[in-house]
Amino acid sequence: MKILDLQNEFRELIAQLRHEIEAASAMGQFDAHKVSENLMCGLLRELCDWSDLRNLNREQVNFPGIDLADDTHRVAVQVTASADIGKVKYTLEQFLRHDLHQRYDQLIVYVLTAKQGSYSQAAVDAVCNGKHKFSASEHIWDYKELCTLAADAEPHKLQAALNHLKAYLRGVPVGLADDDIDPPLTPSESLTGNLVELYFPSSLYIARLSEDLVERHGKRRPGLWRTTIREFNYENELAVPSAYVIHSGNLVTFFDLTERDNPYKHLIEPGTAEEHSTADYCTIDDDHDRVFKSLLRFSLQHRLFKERVRWENEIGEFVFLPLEDGLNQREVVWQGEKKAKRNVFSRQFNKKDPSKVFLQKHLSFAADFLRLDDHWFMAITPSWFFSYGMDFKQSGYSHDHLSWIKRQENNQQVMNHFRFIAAWLCKIDDEDLFSEGGASDSFLSFGSPLTLNGAPSLEESGWRPLPTINEEDSVQPRRMFSL
């Protein structure tokens, strides 16, 4: 599951941070401590939902007593590499001396390395003298508290914290990177590709197809295995999830084929199911890489079918359908820079005869899978699909409609389509996490769009062509979209 992979990665990186701080302290290098203030600010902001947490040392150099604060949640944080009781007492003394206990109800002392096994509560109480409640067991944190918070964090929050942590563990201290010393003439910009990180189970299952099924398939070519299985299931009044592939006489799936009640038990030879590492399987050779990508696509098809998003094999795209066949629109609420609604299906009627459907327009997208080092990504290419009839068959005018709309859309509009689809995938991903019935066979999870930093800045207005509408086009949009 994606959430386990995220938790494991967070645990490894936070341990790496701890060891780097310890090594820097031993070498008398304390710049890393100052950098860690910003790092901890980002991590705690995501993991604790302290949305207004900020670094006070940016506002006032050597802010007394504390380093971070959230005025909304009335919480303050001291970030330190010193784990002894003396540092805790000094922090409390400064906190009280400057009346910060009047502004903040909670004070956290975060130890960058590792806190002591125990602290004297009596020593703490003597400093507080009844002015502030500070528990040595609850309010002194280190990496273990962060790991506990990460274990309970929502996936998108944990992913954001991970991204923040990775940015600060790039191997070059802030201020010493080449661009910091010798900055480019023009500022860099961030590029967002049409890629979202993809997560799937660490294991897949392989079993031999049953002899009866192999005999039934006969001399049909391998590409018709799904047809053979569909015919077999139809005759036996059975159905199976589409999340499988057939390769070399084997059925390959993320479903656990070793379980007695697995959905493919009637298609496989008993006792032949084996568990395999997905990382090992997809790297055997190019052929297995291709098979694994097919499994990802069929698993995505299985997942999206529940959301009324249908795979159109002829065009190789996933198409949004109305939530119910009789509905004329499907609107999806999504959160981008602000909350908005996106129309992903609309049925338009003939103006002269409203009883007749003139056009059915669907948002659609193609999905391709690629592996970069040890990470998998899904490339999303937004498009449009035009249909007719209650079974949503592709319109004969689909090509003309699509050509017109693509001539009118600019890069920003296409990017907005991508951002919506990526946000929608994350939304159903979160719903799966908390759904008792939907999580068991929803094998794919989706991360944030891939962003590349440090790209040269380009002035887009200088090379972006202005939209042009010729005489023929100027008539067509009115006919198609009633503009």
Foldseek 3Di string as FASTA:
>chain_A
DVLVVLLVLLLVLLLVQQVVCVVCVVVVNCLSQVVVLVLVQQLCCLLVVLVQKDACCVVPNCDWLFGIARQVQQETEHEEQDQDVVVVLRSLLRCVVVPSCVRHQYYAYEHSHDHDPFDDPVSVCVSCVPVHDDDRVPRYHYVVVSSVSSSPGFPQSSQSSSVSSCVCPVPAHPCRDPCNVVNDPFDWDKDFALKWFKDFDQKKKKFAWDPVLVVQCPPPDQVCSVVSVVVVCVVVVADAQQLWHDDPRMIMGRFQPLDPVHRCVVTGDPPGMDMDGPLVQLPPDVVSVVRVQVSVVSLVQRQCVVVQWHQDVVVQKTWHDAPDLPDAWDWDWFADVHIDIDIAWGFDADPVDRVHTDWIKGKMWHWGWDDDPNIIIIRIFIFMFIADDSVGHGDPCRVVVRVLVVLVDDPVVRVVSSQRVLRVQQVVLSVLVPDPPRVPSNGMHIHDTDMDIDHHDDDVVVPGDDRDADPVSVPVCCVVPVD
